[in-house]
Amino acid sequence: MKNTINIAGKSNCDINRVLLLLCLSFIILRSLQAQEEDPVDNDIQMWNVLRFSVPIGEKWSVSMQNELRLADNISSIDEYIFKLYAHHRFTEKFGVSFGYKYINRPYGSNESDPWAEAVFPHTYNKWQVSHQLRFEARIYQDISGIIPRLRYLVNWSTQLGDSFMYATGFGAIRFNLAEKNAGPVAGFEQVRVYAGLGFHIGGFTRLEVGWLYRYEIIRNAPDFSDNALHVNLFFRTKRKEQQPLPNDHFQ
């Protein structure tokens, strides 16, 4: 009986590894192809994220996130993003999240996005990996109706020895499911790749600093790609063991 369980568990682990490698390979190849089609824009951005999380019992948590994105070589405000969301963990390998995102664009159309997401975290030795599949209902200020969007994100993190540091990163791809002849394009819209270092500051705070590459298809304009310095500061109201969480990246 034990052999049967071990074989089944090993089979599931192998399937998850293959799925992870395939997803990462697709995201990386798409990014490389995008760079060949369109050179990276010289504009350097800086995305600054501040998040507060409140664990409620063993299964629930509620979070509020504010993000300020600077563009034009970190000289002007490009976007301000507010997020409010909750996460429920059913098991160690499955959870759901749902929330609301508001994007204020000084030089563009503002956007409101109610969303829901399925989260599938796994642990491979010292690596924590999370698959996230999100559905968003995008509502633009100057476009009638809703633009539904699917986003798949794979997030990874690993502790660096016995230190207070960890490595982390993610790859994400986004598809719009409707054509409005305005605003976001239908079908494949965007891919992002991120890698960074995290630092535990006591049991309540973490700081992450990394680099993000984004490639996006723009309507009635050349495809766009850029780089951003990504700074994340996370606060929890309840002390947490010094390890990164696999479902921390709600981008």
Protein backbone atom coordinates (compact mmCIF):
# COMPACT_ATOMS: atom_id res chain seq x y z
CA MET A 1 0.00 0.00 0.00
CA LYS A 2 2.85 2.40 0.86
CA ASN A 3 4.56 1.66 -2.45
CA THR A 4 1.37 2.50 -4.33
CA ILE A 5 1.03 5.82 -2.54
CA ASN A 6 4.69 6.69 -3.12
CA ILE A 7 4.48 5.86 -6.79
CA ALA A 8 1.34 7.97 -7.20
CA GLY A 9 2.93 10.85 -5.33
CA LYS A 10 6.07 10.65 -7.43
CA SER A 11 3.98 10.56 -10.61
CA ASN A 12 2.08 13.70 -9.59
CA CYS A 13 5.35 15.45 -8.72
CA ASP A 14 6.85 14.55 -12.11
CA ILE A 15 3.74 15.84 -13.91
CA ASN A 16 3.91 19.13 -12.01
CA ARG A 17 7.60 19.54 -12.85
CA VAL A 18 6.98 18.90 -16.53
CA LEU A 19 4.08 21.39 -16.52
CA LEU A 20 6.23 24.00 -14.77
CA LEU A 21 9.11 23.55 -17.24
CA LEU A 22 6.77 23.78 -20.23
CA CYS A 23 5.12 26.96 -18.92
CA LEU A 24 8.44 28.61 -18.11
CA SER A 25 9.88 27.62 -21.47
CA PHE A 26 6.89 29.11 -23.30
CA ILE A 27 7.13 32.40 -21.40
CA ILE A 28 10.90 32.70 -21.90
CA LEU A 29 10.73 31.81 -25.60
CA ARG A 30 7.91 34.30 -26.15
CA SER A 31 9.97 37.00 -24.42
CA LEU A 32 13.04 36.25 -26.53
CA GLN A 33 10.94 36.29 -29.69
CA ALA A 34 9.46 39.63 -28.65
CA GLN A 35 12.92 41.11 -28.17
CA GLU A 36 13.93 40.01 -31.67
CA GLU A 37 10.77 41.55 -33.17
CA ASP A 38 11.00 44.80 -31.24
CA PRO A 39 14.06 46.09 -29.33
CA VAL A 40 13.65 46.96 -25.66
CA ASP A 41 12.56 50.53 -25.05
CA ASN A 42 15.25 52.71 -23.48
CA ASP A 43 12.83 54.03 -20.87
CA ILE A 44 13.60 52.63 -17.41
CA GLN A 45 10.65 52.39 -15.04
CA MET A 46 10.37 51.85 -11.31
CA TRP A 47 7.43 49.97 -9.80
CA ASN A 48 7.02 50.50 -6.04
CA VAL A 49 4.71 48.14 -4.16
CA LEU A 50 3.55 48.50 -0.55
CA ARG A 51 1.31 45.76 0.86
CA PHE A 52 -0.34 45.06 4.21
CA SER A 53 -1.64 41.55 4.96
CA VAL A 54 -3.87 40.49 7.84
CA PRO A 55 -4.09 36.72 8.47
CA ILE A 56 -7.49 35.64 9.81
CA GLY A 57 -7.36 32.23 11.46
CA GLU A 58 -5.50 29.42 9.70
CA LYS A 59 -7.23 29.62 6.31
CA TRP A 60 -7.97 33.26 5.47
CA SER A 61 -5.97 36.41 4.84
CA VAL A 62 -6.97 39.89 3.68
CA SER A 63 -4.54 42.25 1.94
CA MET A 64 -4.40 45.85 0.77
CA GLN A 65 -1.80 46.88 -1.81
CA ASN A 66 -0.73 50.26 -3.16
CA GLU A 67 1.59 50.57 -6.14
CA LEU A 68 3.20 53.62 -7.71
CA ARG A 69 4.75 53.17 -11.16
CA LEU A 70 7.24 55.75 -12.39
CA ALA A 71 8.21 56.09 -16.06
CA ASP A 72 10.32 58.36 -18.31
CA ASN A 73 13.50 57.12 -16.63
CA ILE A 74 11.87 57.31 -13.19
CA SER A 75 10.96 60.99 -13.62
CA SER A 76 7.14 60.98 -13.88
CA ILE A 77 4.12 59.08 -12.54
CA ASP A 78 2.80 56.54 -15.04
CA GLU A 79 0.19 54.66 -12.97
CA TYR A 80 -1.18 54.43 -9.46
CA ILE A 81 -2.71 51.05 -8.59
CA PHE A 82 -4.86 50.14 -5.59
CA LYS A 83 -5.74 46.52 -4.78
CA LEU A 84 -7.91 44.95 -2.11
CA TYR A 85 -8.21 41.17 -1.99
CA ALA A 86 -8.71 38.07 0.15
CA HIS A 87 -7.18 34.61 -0.04
CA HIS A 88 -8.61 31.34 1.27
CA ARG A 89 -6.44 28.23 1.57
CA PHE A 90 -8.47 25.04 1.27
CA THR A 91 -5.46 22.69 1.43
CA GLU A 92 -1.68 22.94 1.21
CA LYS A 93 -1.99 22.55 -2.56
CA PHE A 94 -5.07 24.60 -3.43
CA GLY A 95 -6.48 28.01 -2.60
CA VAL A 96 -8.62 30.75 -4.11
CA SER A 97 -8.23 34.53 -4.15
CA PHE A 98 -10.63 37.27 -5.15
CA GLY A 99 -10.42 41.02 -5.11
CA TYR A 100 -10.64 44.40 -6.78
CA LYS A 101 -8.00 46.46 -8.59
CA TYR A 102 -8.22 50.12 -9.58
CA ILE A 103 -5.68 51.71 -11.95
CA ASN A 104 -5.36 55.49 -12.19
CA ARG A 105 -3.50 56.65 -15.31
CA PRO A 106 -2.72 60.40 -15.45
CA TYR A 107 -2.18 60.18 -19.23
CA GLY A 108 -4.65 57.43 -20.12
CA SER A 109 -7.96 55.75 -19.36
CA ASN A 110 -8.57 54.65 -15.77
CA GLU A 111 -9.47 50.99 -15.19
CA SER A 112 -11.39 48.91 -12.61
CA ASP A 113 -10.86 45.13 -12.43
CA PRO A 114 -12.84 42.76 -10.20
CA TRP A 115 -11.04 39.40 -10.34
CA ALA A 116 -10.96 35.83 -9.02
CA GLU A 117 -8.08 33.39 -9.04
CA ALA A 118 -7.24 29.72 -8.39
CA VAL A 119 -3.85 29.13 -6.73
CA PHE A 120 -1.97 25.82 -6.82
CA PRO A 121 1.16 25.90 -4.60
CA HIS A 122 3.69 23.05 -4.52
CA THR A 123 7.01 22.40 -2.82
CA TYR A 124 9.92 20.69 -4.60
CA ASN A 125 12.75 20.11 -2.11
CA LYS A 126 13.77 23.68 -1.20
CA TRP A 127 11.77 25.30 -4.00
CA GLN A 128 8.30 26.69 -3.51
CA VAL A 129 6.30 27.02 -6.73
CA SER A 130 2.80 28.37 -7.32
CA HIS A 131 0.61 28.19 -10.41
CA GLN A 132 -2.03 30.94 -10.53
CA LEU A 133 -4.91 31.18 -13.01
CA ARG A 134 -6.86 34.45 -12.82
CA PHE A 135 -10.01 35.76 -14.49
CA GLU A 136 -10.42 39.55 -14.62
CA ALA A 137 -13.40 41.67 -15.68
CA ARG A 138 -11.70 44.80 -17.02
CA ILE A 139 -13.82 47.97 -16.99
CA TYR A 140 -12.32 50.97 -18.79
CA GLN A 141 -13.41 54.54 -18.15
CA ASP A 142 -14.05 55.38 -21.81
CA ILE A 143 -15.02 51.95 -23.20
CA SER A 144 -18.51 50.50 -22.84
CA GLY A 145 -18.93 46.97 -21.50
CA ILE A 146 -16.45 44.56 -19.96
CA ILE A 147 -13.20 43.21 -21.39
CA PRO A 148 -12.58 39.78 -19.80
CA ARG A 149 -8.96 38.71 -19.42
CA LEU A 150 -7.20 35.48 -18.42
CA ARG A 151 -3.81 35.57 -16.73
CA TYR A 152 -1.56 32.63 -15.98
CA LEU A 153 1.35 33.20 -13.60
CA VAL A 154 3.97 30.78 -12.26
CA ASN A 155 5.83 32.01 -9.20
CA TRP A 156 8.90 30.45 -7.56
CA SER A 157 11.01 31.14 -4.48
CA THR A 158 13.78 29.43 -2.53
CA GLN A 159 15.58 30.23 0.69
CA LEU A 160 19.32 30.99 0.28
CA GLY A 161 20.87 28.64 2.82
CA ASP A 162 20.34 29.63 6.44
CA SER A 163 20.47 33.36 5.70
CA PHE A 164 17.68 35.91 5.88
CA MET A 165 17.71 36.14 2.07
CA TYR A 166 15.76 34.28 -0.61
CA ALA A 167 15.58 34.26 -4.39
CA THR A 168 12.26 34.71 -6.13
CA GLY A 169 10.72 35.31 -9.54
CA PHE A 170 7.74 34.76 -11.80
CA GLY A 171 6.61 34.55 -15.39
CA ALA A 172 3.15 35.68 -16.48
CA ILE A 173 1.16 35.76 -19.69
CA ARG A 174 -2.17 37.55 -20.34
CA PHE A 175 -4.95 37.09 -22.90
CA ASN A 176 -7.96 39.36 -23.51
CA LEU A 177 -11.13 37.44 -24.39
CA ALA A 178 -13.09 40.22 -26.11
CA GLU A 179 -12.57 42.69 -28.95
CA LYS A 180 -13.88 46.24 -28.42
CA ASN A 181 -12.04 47.86 -31.34
CA ALA A 182 -10.58 50.17 -28.70
CA GLY A 183 -8.39 49.79 -25.66
CA PRO A 184 -6.61 46.46 -25.11
CA VAL A 185 -6.16 44.13 -28.09
CA ALA A 186 -8.02 40.81 -28.24
CA GLY A 187 -6.08 37.59 -27.70
CA PHE A 188 -2.48 37.59 -26.50
CA GLU A 189 -1.69 40.96 -24.95
CA GLN A 190 1.26 40.78 -22.62
CA VAL A 191 4.09 38.71 -21.11
CA ARG A 192 6.17 39.51 -18.02
CA VAL A 193 9.30 37.93 -16.54
CA TYR A 194 10.68 38.90 -13.12
CA ALA A 195 13.60 37.84 -10.92
CA GLY A 196 14.73 39.29 -7.63
CA LEU A 197 16.12 38.90 -4.13
CA GLY A 198 14.09 39.00 -0.93
CA PHE A 199 15.13 39.96 2.60
CA HIS A 200 13.36 38.96 5.81
CA ILE A 201 13.24 41.88 8.22
CA GLY A 202 12.09 40.21 11.40
CA GLY A 203 9.01 38.03 11.25
CA PHE A 204 6.60 40.74 10.13
CA THR A 205 8.28 42.45 7.17
CA ARG A 206 9.91 41.45 3.90
CA LEU A 207 11.66 43.53 1.24
CA GLU A 208 12.05 42.36 -2.36
CA VAL A 209 14.12 44.08 -5.04
CA GLY A 210 14.27 42.77 -8.60
CA TRP A 211 14.13 43.43 -12.32
CA LEU A 212 11.06 42.99 -14.51
CA TYR A 213 10.82 42.69 -18.28
CA ARG A 214 7.48 43.38 -19.99
CA TYR A 215 6.41 42.92 -23.60
CA GLU A 216 2.96 44.20 -24.64
CA ILE A 217 0.98 44.44 -27.85
CA ILE A 218 -0.47 47.94 -28.26
CA ARG A 219 -3.47 48.78 -30.44
CA ASN A 220 -2.68 51.03 -33.41
CA ALA A 221 0.96 51.33 -32.36
CA PRO A 222 4.19 49.31 -32.49
CA ASP A 223 4.54 46.52 -29.95
CA PHE A 224 6.06 47.79 -26.73
CA SER A 225 8.70 46.35 -24.40
CA ASP A 226 10.39 47.82 -21.37
CA ASN A 227 12.27 47.14 -18.14
CA ALA A 228 11.37 48.10 -14.60
CA LEU A 229 13.15 48.15 -11.26
CA HIS A 230 10.66 46.35 -8.99
CA VAL A 231 10.65 47.20 -5.26
CA ASN A 232 8.21 45.38 -2.94
CA LEU A 233 7.72 46.01 0.78
CA PHE A 234 5.38 43.54 2.53
CA PHE A 235 3.95 43.87 6.06
CA ARG A 236 2.03 41.25 8.05
CA THR A 237 0.16 41.82 11.29
CA LYS A 238 0.99 38.28 12.46
CA ARG A 239 4.50 36.92 12.78
CA LYS A 240 5.48 34.48 10.02
CA GLU A 241 8.32 31.97 9.86
CA GLN A 242 11.24 33.20 7.79
CA GLN A 243 10.32 31.67 4.47
CA PRO A 244 8.83 33.18 1.30
CA LEU A 245 5.25 32.33 0.45
CA PRO A 246 4.55 30.82 -3.00
CA ASN A 247 1.40 32.90 -3.57
CA ASP A 248 2.87 36.30 -2.75
CA HIS A 249 2.92 37.78 -6.25
CA PHE A 250 -0.52 39.22 -7.04
CA GLN A 251 0.62 41.29 -10.02
